[in-house]
mmCIF file of all heavy atoms, coordinates in Angstrom:
data_MODEL
# 
_entry.id   MODEL 
# 
loop_
_atom_site.group_PDB 
_atom_site.id 
_atom_site.type_symbol 
_atom_site.label_atom_id 
_atom_site.label_alt_id 
_atom_site.label_comp_id 
_atom_site.label_asym_id 
_atom_site.label_entity_id 
_atom_site.label_seq_id 
_atom_site.pdbx_PDB_ins_code 
_atom_site.Cartn_x 
_atom_site.Cartn_y 
_atom_site.Cartn_z 
_atom_site.occupancy 
_atom_site.B_iso_or_equiv 
_atom_site.pdbx_formal_charge 
_atom_site.auth_seq_id 
_atom_site.auth_comp_id 
_atom_site.auth_asym_id 
_atom_site.auth_atom_id 
_atom_site.pdbx_PDB_model_num 
ATOM 1   N N   . ARG A 1 1  ? 35.909 93.288 216.181 1.00 0.00 ? 1  ARG A N   1 
ATOM 2   C CA  . ARG A 1 1  ? 36.818 93.262 215.042 1.00 0.00 ? 1  ARG A CA  1 
ATOM 3   C C   . ARG A 1 1  ? 37.324 91.814 214.818 1.00 0.00 ? 1  ARG A C   1 
ATOM 4   O O   . ARG A 1 1  ? 37.438 91.132 215.842 1.00 0.00 ? 1  ARG A O   1 
ATOM 5   C CB  . ARG A 1 1  ? 38.087 94.169 215.276 1.00 0.00 ? 1  ARG A CB  1 
ATOM 6   C CG  . ARG A 1 1  ? 39.094 94.084 214.151 1.00 0.00 ? 1  ARG A CG  1 
ATOM 7   C CD  . ARG A 1 1  ? 40.244 95.074 214.428 1.00 0.00 ? 1  ARG A CD  1 
ATOM 8   N NE  . ARG A 1 1  ? 39.851 96.466 214.115 1.00 0.00 ? 1  ARG A NE  1 
ATOM 9   C CZ  . ARG A 1 1  ? 40.641 97.548 214.322 1.00 0.00 ? 1  ARG A CZ  1 
ATOM 10  N NH1 . ARG A 1 1  ? 41.783 97.315 214.924 1.00 0.00 ? 1  ARG A NH1 1 
ATOM 11  N NH2 . ARG A 1 1  ? 40.205 98.711 213.846 1.00 0.00 ? 1  ARG A NH2 1 
ATOM 12  N N   . THR A 1 2  ? 37.463 91.361 213.620 1.00 0.00 ? 2  THR A N   1 
ATOM 13  C CA  . THR A 1 2  ? 37.950 90.078 213.243 1.00 0.00 ? 2  THR A CA  1 
ATOM 14  C C   . THR A 1 2  ? 39.388 90.190 212.724 1.00 0.00 ? 2  THR A C   1 
ATOM 15  O O   . THR A 1 2  ? 39.795 91.043 212.033 1.00 0.00 ? 2  THR A O   1 
ATOM 16  C CB  . THR A 1 2  ? 37.043 89.334 212.282 1.00 0.00 ? 2  THR A CB  1 
ATOM 17  O OG1 . THR A 1 2  ? 36.888 90.146 211.070 1.00 0.00 ? 2  THR A OG1 1 
ATOM 18  C CG2 . THR A 1 2  ? 35.721 89.039 212.827 1.00 0.00 ? 2  THR A CG2 1 
ATOM 19  N N   . LEU A 1 3  ? 40.168 89.155 213.162 1.00 0.00 ? 3  LEU A N   1 
ATOM 20  C CA  . LEU A 1 3  ? 41.607 89.131 212.832 1.00 0.00 ? 3  LEU A CA  1 
ATOM 21  C C   . LEU A 1 3  ? 41.958 87.846 212.084 1.00 0.00 ? 3  LEU A C   1 
ATOM 22  O O   . LEU A 1 3  ? 41.276 86.823 212.140 1.00 0.00 ? 3  LEU A O   1 
ATOM 23  C CB  . LEU A 1 3  ? 42.504 89.295 214.083 1.00 0.00 ? 3  LEU A CB  1 
ATOM 24  C CG  . LEU A 1 3  ? 42.206 90.384 215.018 1.00 0.00 ? 3  LEU A CG  1 
ATOM 25  C CD1 . LEU A 1 3  ? 43.001 90.160 216.390 1.00 0.00 ? 3  LEU A CD1 1 
ATOM 26  C CD2 . LEU A 1 3  ? 42.599 91.723 214.360 1.00 0.00 ? 3  LEU A CD2 1 
ATOM 27  N N   . VAL A 1 4  ? 42.964 87.929 211.219 1.00 0.00 ? 4  VAL A N   1 
ATOM 28  C CA  . VAL A 1 4  ? 43.459 86.760 210.528 1.00 0.00 ? 4  VAL A CA  1 
ATOM 29  C C   . VAL A 1 4  ? 43.910 85.775 211.569 1.00 0.00 ? 4  VAL A C   1 
ATOM 30  O O   . VAL A 1 4  ? 43.435 84.565 211.425 1.00 0.00 ? 4  VAL A O   1 
ATOM 31  C CB  . VAL A 1 4  ? 44.602 87.112 209.601 1.00 0.00 ? 4  VAL A CB  1 
ATOM 32  C CG1 . VAL A 1 4  ? 45.193 85.864 208.913 1.00 0.00 ? 4  VAL A CG1 1 
ATOM 33  C CG2 . VAL A 1 4  ? 44.141 88.107 208.513 1.00 0.00 ? 4  VAL A CG2 1 
ATOM 34  N N   . GLU A 1 5  ? 44.666 85.993 212.471 1.00 0.00 ? 5  GLU A N   1 
ATOM 35  C CA  . GLU A 1 5  ? 45.093 85.176 213.552 1.00 0.00 ? 5  GLU A CA  1 
ATOM 36  C C   . GLU A 1 5  ? 44.261 85.637 214.863 1.00 0.00 ? 5  GLU A C   1 
ATOM 37  O O   . GLU A 1 5  ? 44.720 86.473 215.568 1.00 0.00 ? 5  GLU A O   1 
ATOM 38  C CB  . GLU A 1 5  ? 46.527 85.183 213.864 1.00 0.00 ? 5  GLU A CB  1 
ATOM 39  C CG  . GLU A 1 5  ? 47.446 84.739 212.722 1.00 0.00 ? 5  GLU A CG  1 
ATOM 40  C CD  . GLU A 1 5  ? 47.325 83.299 212.480 1.00 0.00 ? 5  GLU A CD  1 
ATOM 41  O OE1 . GLU A 1 5  ? 46.944 82.499 213.303 1.00 0.00 ? 5  GLU A OE1 1 
ATOM 42  O OE2 . GLU A 1 5  ? 47.516 82.879 211.213 1.00 0.00 ? 5  GLU A OE2 1 
ATOM 43  N N   . ASP A 1 6  ? 43.082 85.064 214.956 1.00 0.00 ? 6  ASP A N   1 
ATOM 44  C CA  . ASP A 1 6  ? 42.065 85.719 215.886 1.00 0.00 ? 6  ASP A CA  1 
ATOM 45  C C   . ASP A 1 6  ? 42.192 84.999 217.290 1.00 0.00 ? 6  ASP A C   1 
ATOM 46  O O   . ASP A 1 6  ? 41.400 84.148 217.669 1.00 0.00 ? 6  ASP A O   1 
ATOM 47  C CB  . ASP A 1 6  ? 40.671 85.532 215.352 1.00 0.00 ? 6  ASP A CB  1 
ATOM 48  C CG  . ASP A 1 6  ? 39.771 86.679 215.848 1.00 0.00 ? 6  ASP A CG  1 
ATOM 49  O OD1 . ASP A 1 6  ? 39.937 87.150 216.971 1.00 0.00 ? 6  ASP A OD1 1 
ATOM 50  O OD2 . ASP A 1 6  ? 38.847 87.061 215.068 1.00 0.00 ? 6  ASP A OD2 1 
ATOM 51  N N   . ALA A 1 7  ? 43.104 85.477 218.122 1.00 0.00 ? 7  ALA A N   1 
ATOM 52  C CA  . ALA A 1 7  ? 43.345 84.965 219.477 1.00 0.00 ? 7  ALA A CA  1 
ATOM 53  C C   . ALA A 1 7  ? 42.026 85.169 220.278 1.00 0.00 ? 7  ALA A C   1 
ATOM 54  O O   . ALA A 1 7  ? 41.703 84.273 221.133 1.00 0.00 ? 7  ALA A O   1 
ATOM 55  C CB  . ALA A 1 7  ? 44.468 85.605 220.098 1.00 0.00 ? 7  ALA A CB  1 
ATOM 56  N N   . PRO A 1 8  ? 41.371 86.321 220.360 1.00 0.00 ? 8  PRO A N   1 
ATOM 57  C CA  . PRO A 1 8  ? 40.170 86.432 221.196 1.00 0.00 ? 8  PRO A CA  1 
ATOM 58  C C   . PRO A 1 8  ? 39.064 85.454 220.834 1.00 0.00 ? 8  PRO A C   1 
ATOM 59  O O   . PRO A 1 8  ? 38.520 84.841 221.733 1.00 0.00 ? 8  PRO A O   1 
ATOM 60  C CB  . PRO A 1 8  ? 39.695 87.901 220.923 1.00 0.00 ? 8  PRO A CB  1 
ATOM 61  C CG  . PRO A 1 8  ? 40.896 88.620 220.403 1.00 0.00 ? 8  PRO A CG  1 
ATOM 62  C CD  . PRO A 1 8  ? 41.777 87.524 219.709 1.00 0.00 ? 8  PRO A CD  1 
ATOM 63  N N   . ALA A 1 9  ? 38.830 85.252 219.492 1.00 0.00 ? 9  ALA A N   1 
ATOM 64  C CA  . ALA A 1 9  ? 37.860 84.198 219.097 1.00 0.00 ? 9  ALA A CA  1 
ATOM 65  C C   . ALA A 1 9  ? 38.170 82.871 219.599 1.00 0.00 ? 9  ALA A C   1 
ATOM 66  O O   . ALA A 1 9  ? 37.411 82.057 219.997 1.00 0.00 ? 9  ALA A O   1 
ATOM 67  C CB  . ALA A 1 9  ? 37.566 84.301 217.661 1.00 0.00 ? 9  ALA A CB  1 
ATOM 68  N N   . ALA A 1 10 ? 39.548 82.535 219.438 1.00 0.00 ? 10 ALA A N   1 
ATOM 69  C CA  . ALA A 1 10 ? 39.964 81.285 219.752 1.00 0.00 ? 10 ALA A CA  1 
ATOM 70  C C   . ALA A 1 10 ? 39.810 80.915 221.326 1.00 0.00 ? 10 ALA A C   1 
ATOM 71  O O   . ALA A 1 10 ? 39.349 79.859 221.744 1.00 0.00 ? 10 ALA A O   1 
ATOM 72  C CB  . ALA A 1 10 ? 41.445 80.987 219.362 1.00 0.00 ? 10 ALA A CB  1 
ATOM 73  N N   . TYR A 1 11 ? 40.087 82.012 222.143 1.00 0.00 ? 11 TYR A N   1 
ATOM 74  C CA  . TYR A 1 11 ? 39.951 81.900 223.553 1.00 0.00 ? 11 TYR A CA  1 
ATOM 75  C C   . TYR A 1 11 ? 38.519 81.726 223.917 1.00 0.00 ? 11 TYR A C   1 
ATOM 76  O O   . TYR A 1 11 ? 38.256 80.740 224.783 1.00 0.00 ? 11 TYR A O   1 
ATOM 77  C CB  . TYR A 1 11 ? 40.516 83.199 224.239 1.00 0.00 ? 11 TYR A CB  1 
ATOM 78  C CG  . TYR A 1 11 ? 40.219 83.316 225.715 1.00 0.00 ? 11 TYR A CG  1 
ATOM 79  C CD1 . TYR A 1 11 ? 41.089 82.635 226.574 1.00 0.00 ? 11 TYR A CD1 1 
ATOM 80  C CD2 . TYR A 1 11 ? 39.136 83.889 226.214 1.00 0.00 ? 11 TYR A CD2 1 
ATOM 81  C CE1 . TYR A 1 11 ? 40.881 82.583 227.930 1.00 0.00 ? 11 TYR A CE1 1 
ATOM 82  C CE2 . TYR A 1 11 ? 38.906 83.956 227.558 1.00 0.00 ? 11 TYR A CE2 1 
ATOM 83  C CZ  . TYR A 1 11 ? 39.733 83.367 228.426 1.00 0.00 ? 11 TYR A CZ  1 
ATOM 84  O OH  . TYR A 1 11 ? 39.515 83.336 229.877 1.00 0.00 ? 11 TYR A OH  1 
ATOM 85  N N   . LEU A 1 12 ? 37.581 82.401 223.364 1.00 0.00 ? 12 LEU A N   1 
ATOM 86  C CA  . LEU A 1 12 ? 36.153 82.242 223.664 1.00 0.00 ? 12 LEU A CA  1 
ATOM 87  C C   . LEU A 1 12 ? 35.674 80.909 223.276 1.00 0.00 ? 12 LEU A C   1 
ATOM 88  O O   . LEU A 1 12 ? 34.853 80.231 223.944 1.00 0.00 ? 12 LEU A O   1 
ATOM 89  C CB  . LEU A 1 12 ? 35.387 83.360 222.977 1.00 0.00 ? 12 LEU A CB  1 
ATOM 90  C CG  . LEU A 1 12 ? 35.638 84.813 223.451 1.00 0.00 ? 12 LEU A CG  1 
ATOM 91  C CD1 . LEU A 1 12 ? 34.954 85.822 222.608 1.00 0.00 ? 12 LEU A CD1 1 
ATOM 92  C CD2 . LEU A 1 12 ? 35.234 84.911 225.028 1.00 0.00 ? 12 LEU A CD2 1 
ATOM 93  N N   . LYS A 1 13 ? 36.093 80.378 222.119 1.00 0.00 ? 13 LYS A N   1 
ATOM 94  C CA  . LYS A 1 13 ? 35.635 79.081 221.716 1.00 0.00 ? 13 LYS A CA  1 
ATOM 95  C C   . LYS A 1 13 ? 36.247 78.015 222.616 1.00 0.00 ? 13 LYS A C   1 
ATOM 96  O O   . LYS A 1 13 ? 35.546 77.031 223.025 1.00 0.00 ? 13 LYS A O   1 
ATOM 97  C CB  . LYS A 1 13 ? 36.163 78.769 220.242 1.00 0.00 ? 13 LYS A CB  1 
ATOM 98  C CG  . LYS A 1 13 ? 35.429 79.555 219.149 1.00 0.00 ? 13 LYS A CG  1 
ATOM 99  C CD  . LYS A 1 13 ? 36.055 79.410 217.759 1.00 0.00 ? 13 LYS A CD  1 
ATOM 100 C CE  . LYS A 1 13 ? 35.934 77.943 217.311 1.00 0.00 ? 13 LYS A CE  1 
ATOM 101 N NZ  . LYS A 1 13 ? 36.504 77.723 216.031 1.00 0.00 ? 13 LYS A NZ  1 
ATOM 102 N N   . GLN A 1 14 ? 37.454 78.162 223.082 1.00 0.00 ? 14 GLN A N   1 
ATOM 103 C CA  . GLN A 1 14 ? 38.039 77.195 223.989 1.00 0.00 ? 14 GLN A CA  1 
ATOM 104 C C   . GLN A 1 14 ? 37.309 77.137 225.292 1.00 0.00 ? 14 GLN A C   1 
ATOM 105 O O   . GLN A 1 14 ? 37.181 76.023 225.828 1.00 0.00 ? 14 GLN A O   1 
ATOM 106 C CB  . GLN A 1 14 ? 39.552 77.586 224.208 1.00 0.00 ? 14 GLN A CB  1 
ATOM 107 C CG  . GLN A 1 14 ? 40.216 76.608 225.153 1.00 0.00 ? 14 GLN A CG  1 
ATOM 108 C CD  . GLN A 1 14 ? 41.691 77.188 225.498 1.00 0.00 ? 14 GLN A CD  1 
ATOM 109 O OE1 . GLN A 1 14 ? 42.071 78.097 224.930 1.00 0.00 ? 14 GLN A OE1 1 
ATOM 110 N NE2 . GLN A 1 14 ? 42.331 76.475 226.388 1.00 0.00 ? 14 GLN A NE2 1 
ATOM 111 N N   . HIS A 1 15 ? 36.791 78.281 225.806 1.00 0.00 ? 15 HIS A N   1 
ATOM 112 C CA  . HIS A 1 15 ? 36.102 78.305 227.091 1.00 0.00 ? 15 HIS A CA  1 
ATOM 113 C C   . HIS A 1 15 ? 34.570 78.207 226.859 1.00 0.00 ? 15 HIS A C   1 
ATOM 114 O O   . HIS A 1 15 ? 33.918 78.520 227.780 1.00 0.00 ? 15 HIS A O   1 
ATOM 115 C CB  . HIS A 1 15 ? 36.507 79.560 227.827 1.00 0.00 ? 15 HIS A CB  1 
ATOM 116 C CG  . HIS A 1 15 ? 37.938 79.584 228.299 1.00 0.00 ? 15 HIS A CG  1 
ATOM 117 N ND1 . HIS A 1 15 ? 39.025 79.811 227.438 1.00 0.00 ? 15 HIS A ND1 1 
ATOM 118 C CD2 . HIS A 1 15 ? 38.440 79.176 229.554 1.00 0.00 ? 15 HIS A CD2 1 
ATOM 119 C CE1 . HIS A 1 15 ? 40.131 79.699 228.128 1.00 0.00 ? 15 HIS A CE1 1 
ATOM 120 N NE2 . HIS A 1 15 ? 39.851 79.295 229.323 1.00 0.00 ? 15 HIS A NE2 1 
ATOM 121 N N   . HIS A 1 16 ? 34.143 77.989 225.667 1.00 0.00 ? 16 HIS A N   1 
ATOM 122 C CA  . HIS A 1 16 ? 32.642 77.783 225.411 1.00 0.00 ? 16 HIS A CA  1 
ATOM 123 C C   . HIS A 1 16 ? 31.866 78.988 225.836 1.00 0.00 ? 16 HIS A C   1 
ATOM 124 O O   . HIS A 1 16 ? 30.826 78.790 226.445 1.00 0.00 ? 16 HIS A O   1 
ATOM 125 C CB  . HIS A 1 16 ? 32.202 76.454 226.172 1.00 0.00 ? 16 HIS A CB  1 
ATOM 126 C CG  . HIS A 1 16 ? 33.021 75.226 225.848 1.00 0.00 ? 16 HIS A CG  1 
ATOM 127 N ND1 . HIS A 1 16 ? 33.010 74.677 224.667 1.00 0.00 ? 16 HIS A ND1 1 
ATOM 128 C CD2 . HIS A 1 16 ? 33.995 74.644 226.605 1.00 0.00 ? 16 HIS A CD2 1 
ATOM 129 C CE1 . HIS A 1 16 ? 33.854 73.635 224.633 1.00 0.00 ? 16 HIS A CE1 1 
ATOM 130 N NE2 . HIS A 1 16 ? 34.387 73.545 225.801 1.00 0.00 ? 16 HIS A NE2 1 
ATOM 131 N N   . VAL A 1 17 ? 32.313 80.102 225.567 1.00 0.00 ? 17 VAL A N   1 
ATOM 132 C CA  . VAL A 1 17 ? 31.707 81.363 225.892 1.00 0.00 ? 17 VAL A CA  1 
ATOM 133 C C   . VAL A 1 17 ? 30.830 81.844 224.581 1.00 0.00 ? 17 VAL A C   1 
ATOM 134 O O   . VAL A 1 17 ? 31.426 81.860 223.535 1.00 0.00 ? 17 VAL A O   1 
ATOM 135 C CB  . VAL A 1 17 ? 32.614 82.523 226.252 1.00 0.00 ? 17 VAL A CB  1 
ATOM 136 C CG1 . VAL A 1 17 ? 31.830 83.765 226.524 1.00 0.00 ? 17 VAL A CG1 1 
ATOM 137 C CG2 . VAL A 1 17 ? 33.447 82.139 227.412 1.00 0.00 ? 17 VAL A CG2 1 
ATOM 138 N N   . PRO A 1 18 ? 29.492 82.063 224.712 1.00 0.00 ? 18 PRO A N   1 
ATOM 139 C CA  . PRO A 1 18 ? 28.747 82.520 223.543 1.00 0.00 ? 18 PRO A CA  1 
ATOM 140 C C   . PRO A 1 18 ? 29.234 83.823 223.069 1.00 0.00 ? 18 PRO A C   1 
ATOM 141 O O   . PRO A 1 18 ? 29.442 84.722 223.873 1.00 0.00 ? 18 PRO A O   1 
ATOM 142 C CB  . PRO A 1 18 ? 27.380 82.585 224.139 1.00 0.00 ? 18 PRO A CB  1 
ATOM 143 C CG  . PRO A 1 18 ? 27.333 81.776 225.381 1.00 0.00 ? 18 PRO A CG  1 
ATOM 144 C CD  . PRO A 1 18 ? 28.704 81.882 225.933 1.00 0.00 ? 18 PRO A CD  1 
ATOM 145 N N   . PHE A 1 19 ? 29.475 83.997 221.784 1.00 0.00 ? 19 PHE A N   1 
ATOM 146 C CA  . PHE A 1 19 ? 29.927 85.336 221.277 1.00 0.00 ? 19 PHE A CA  1 
ATOM 147 C C   . PHE A 1 19 ? 29.483 85.429 219.847 1.00 0.00 ? 19 PHE A C   1 
ATOM 148 O O   . PHE A 1 19 ? 29.178 84.470 219.150 1.00 0.00 ? 19 PHE A O   1 
ATOM 149 C CB  . PHE A 1 19 ? 31.400 85.400 221.453 1.00 0.00 ? 19 PHE A CB  1 
ATOM 150 C CG  . PHE A 1 19 ? 32.273 84.703 220.482 1.00 0.00 ? 19 PHE A CG  1 
ATOM 151 C CD1 . PHE A 1 19 ? 32.735 85.259 219.341 1.00 0.00 ? 19 PHE A CD1 1 
ATOM 152 C CD2 . PHE A 1 19 ? 32.534 83.258 220.747 1.00 0.00 ? 19 PHE A CD2 1 
ATOM 153 C CE1 . PHE A 1 19 ? 33.591 84.473 218.483 1.00 0.00 ? 19 PHE A CE1 1 
ATOM 154 C CE2 . PHE A 1 19 ? 33.339 82.580 219.915 1.00 0.00 ? 19 PHE A CE2 1 
ATOM 155 C CZ  . PHE A 1 19 ? 33.854 83.238 218.725 1.00 0.00 ? 19 PHE A CZ  1 
ATOM 156 N N   . VAL A 1 20 ? 29.503 86.721 219.376 1.00 0.00 ? 20 VAL A N   1 
ATOM 157 C CA  . VAL A 1 20 ? 29.250 87.128 217.988 1.00 0.00 ? 20 VAL A CA  1 
ATOM 158 C C   . VAL A 1 20 ? 30.337 88.058 217.621 1.00 0.00 ? 20 VAL A C   1 
ATOM 159 O O   . VAL A 1 20 ? 30.702 88.937 218.438 1.00 0.00 ? 20 VAL A O   1 
ATOM 160 C CB  . VAL A 1 20 ? 27.748 87.731 217.865 1.00 0.00 ? 20 VAL A CB  1 
ATOM 161 C CG1 . VAL A 1 20 ? 27.579 88.182 216.454 1.00 0.00 ? 20 VAL A CG1 1 
ATOM 162 C CG2 . VAL A 1 20 ? 26.729 86.760 218.195 1.00 0.00 ? 20 VAL A CG2 1 
ATOM 163 N N   . ALA A 1 21 ? 30.750 87.975 216.354 1.00 0.00 ? 21 ALA A N   1 
ATOM 164 C CA  . ALA A 1 21 ? 31.778 88.818 215.872 1.00 0.00 ? 21 ALA A CA  1 
ATOM 165 C C   . ALA A 1 21 ? 31.246 89.831 214.909 1.00 0.00 ? 21 ALA A C   1 
ATOM 166 O O   . ALA A 1 21 ? 30.412 89.484 214.053 1.00 0.00 ? 21 ALA A O   1 
ATOM 167 C CB  . ALA A 1 21 ? 32.862 87.997 215.195 1.00 0.00 ? 21 ALA A CB  1 
ATOM 168 N N   . ILE A 1 22 ? 31.686 91.053 214.982 1.00 0.00 ? 22 ILE A N   1 
ATOM 169 C CA  . ILE A 1 22 ? 31.404 92.062 213.999 1.00 0.00 ? 22 ILE A CA  1 
ATOM 170 C C   . ILE A 1 22 ? 32.583 92.053 212.990 1.00 0.00 ? 22 ILE A C   1 
ATOM 171 O O   . ILE A 1 22 ? 33.680 92.259 213.300 1.00 0.00 ? 22 ILE A O   1 
ATOM 172 C CB  . ILE A 1 22 ? 31.399 93.514 214.627 1.00 0.00 ? 22 ILE A CB  1 
ATOM 173 C CG1 . ILE A 1 22 ? 30.229 93.623 215.604 1.00 0.00 ? 22 ILE A CG1 1 
ATOM 174 C CG2 . ILE A 1 22 ? 31.310 94.583 213.522 1.00 0.00 ? 22 ILE A CG2 1 
ATOM 175 C CD1 . ILE A 1 22 ? 30.129 94.930 216.328 1.00 0.00 ? 22 ILE A CD1 1 
ATOM 176 N N   . GLY A 1 23 ? 32.193 91.618 211.842 1.00 0.00 ? 23 GLY A N   1 
ATOM 177 C CA  . GLY A 1 23 ? 33.166 91.429 210.728 1.00 0.00 ? 23 GLY A CA  1 
ATOM 178 C C   . GLY A 1 23 ? 33.050 90.042 210.155 1.00 0.00 ? 23 GLY A C   1 
ATOM 179 O O   . GLY A 1 23 ? 32.121 89.217 210.520 1.00 0.00 ? 23 GLY A O   1 
ATOM 180 N N   . THR A 1 24 ? 33.826 89.646 209.178 1.00 0.00 ? 24 THR A N   1 
ATOM 181 C CA  . THR A 1 24 ? 33.769 88.298 208.573 1.00 0.00 ? 24 THR A CA  1 
ATOM 182 C C   . THR A 1 24 ? 35.030 87.535 208.877 1.00 0.00 ? 24 THR A C   1 
ATOM 183 O O   . THR A 1 24 ? 36.044 88.037 209.268 1.00 0.00 ? 24 THR A O   1 
ATOM 184 C CB  . THR A 1 24 ? 33.644 88.388 207.095 1.00 0.00 ? 24 THR A CB  1 
ATOM 185 O OG1 . THR A 1 24 ? 34.759 89.180 206.528 1.00 0.00 ? 24 THR A OG1 1 
ATOM 186 C CG2 . THR A 1 24 ? 32.318 89.070 206.636 1.00 0.00 ? 24 THR A CG2 1 
ATOM 187 N N   . THR A 1 25 ? 34.854 86.190 208.909 1.00 0.00 ? 25 THR A N   1 
ATOM 188 C CA  . THR A 1 25 ? 35.915 85.272 209.151 1.00 0.00 ? 25 THR A CA  1 
ATOM 189 C C   . THR A 1 25 ? 35.652 83.969 208.439 1.00 0.00 ? 25 THR A C   1 
ATOM 190 O O   . THR A 1 25 ? 34.435 83.588 208.301 1.00 0.00 ? 25 THR A O   1 
ATOM 191 C CB  . THR A 1 25 ? 36.108 85.034 210.688 1.00 0.00 ? 25 THR A CB  1 
ATOM 192 O OG1 . THR A 1 25 ? 36.991 83.918 210.905 1.00 0.00 ? 25 THR A OG1 1 
ATOM 193 C CG2 . THR A 1 25 ? 34.674 84.650 211.328 1.00 0.00 ? 25 THR A CG2 1 
ATOM 194 N N   . PRO A 1 26 ? 36.670 83.317 207.998 1.00 0.00 ? 26 PRO A N   1 
ATOM 195 C CA  . PRO A 1 26 ? 36.416 82.039 207.198 1.00 0.00 ? 26 PRO A CA  1 
ATOM 196 C C   . PRO A 1 26 ? 36.084 80.869 208.229 1.00 0.00 ? 26 PRO A C   1 
ATOM 197 O O   . PRO A 1 26 ? 35.699 79.725 207.876 1.00 0.00 ? 26 PRO A O   1 
ATOM 198 C CB  . PRO A 1 26 ? 37.820 81.608 206.739 1.00 0.00 ? 26 PRO A CB  1 
ATOM 199 C CG  . PRO A 1 26 ? 38.783 82.471 207.492 1.00 0.00 ? 26 PRO A CG  1 
ATOM 200 C CD  . PRO A 1 26 ? 38.105 83.760 207.943 1.00 0.00 ? 26 PRO A CD  1 
ATOM 201 N N   . ASP A 1 27 ? 36.109 81.145 209.595 1.00 0.00 ? 27 ASP A N   1 
ATOM 202 C CA  . ASP A 1 27 ? 35.693 80.196 210.618 1.00 0.00 ? 27 ASP A CA  1 
ATOM 203 C C   . ASP A 1 27 ? 34.130 80.071 210.645 1.00 0.00 ? 27 ASP A C   1 
ATOM 204 O O   . ASP A 1 27 ? 33.505 80.951 211.181 1.00 0.00 ? 27 ASP A O   1 
ATOM 205 C CB  . ASP A 1 27 ? 36.265 80.615 211.921 1.00 0.00 ? 27 ASP A CB  1 
ATOM 206 C CG  . ASP A 1 27 ? 36.094 79.506 212.938 1.00 0.00 ? 27 ASP A CG  1 
ATOM 207 O OD1 . ASP A 1 27 ? 35.267 78.567 212.768 1.00 0.00 ? 27 ASP A OD1 1 
ATOM 208 O OD2 . ASP A 1 27 ? 36.745 79.641 214.054 1.00 0.00 ? 27 ASP A OD2 1 
ATOM 209 N N   . ASP A 1 28 ? 33.630 79.007 210.080 1.00 0.00 ? 28 ASP A N   1 
ATOM 210 C CA  . ASP A 1 28 ? 32.224 78.879 210.033 1.00 0.00 ? 28 ASP A CA  1 
ATOM 211 C C   . ASP A 1 28 ? 31.591 78.516 211.448 1.00 0.00 ? 28 ASP A C   1 
ATOM 212 O O   . ASP A 1 28 ? 30.374 78.628 211.558 1.00 0.00 ? 28 ASP A O   1 
ATOM 213 C CB  . ASP A 1 28 ? 31.827 77.640 209.147 1.00 0.00 ? 28 ASP A CB  1 
ATOM 214 C CG  . ASP A 1 28 ? 32.177 77.960 207.663 1.00 0.00 ? 28 ASP A CG  1 
ATOM 215 O OD1 . ASP A 1 28 ? 32.127 79.150 207.353 1.00 0.00 ? 28 ASP A OD1 1 
ATOM 216 O OD2 . ASP A 1 28 ? 32.421 76.965 206.945 1.00 0.00 ? 28 ASP A OD2 1 
# 
């Protein structure tokens, strides 16, 4: 799930963990 304030995505980006999101987000 994608959130407007997406803490899980931010955490994974910070720790350089490969991930894919189900949903859309303005974060390219």
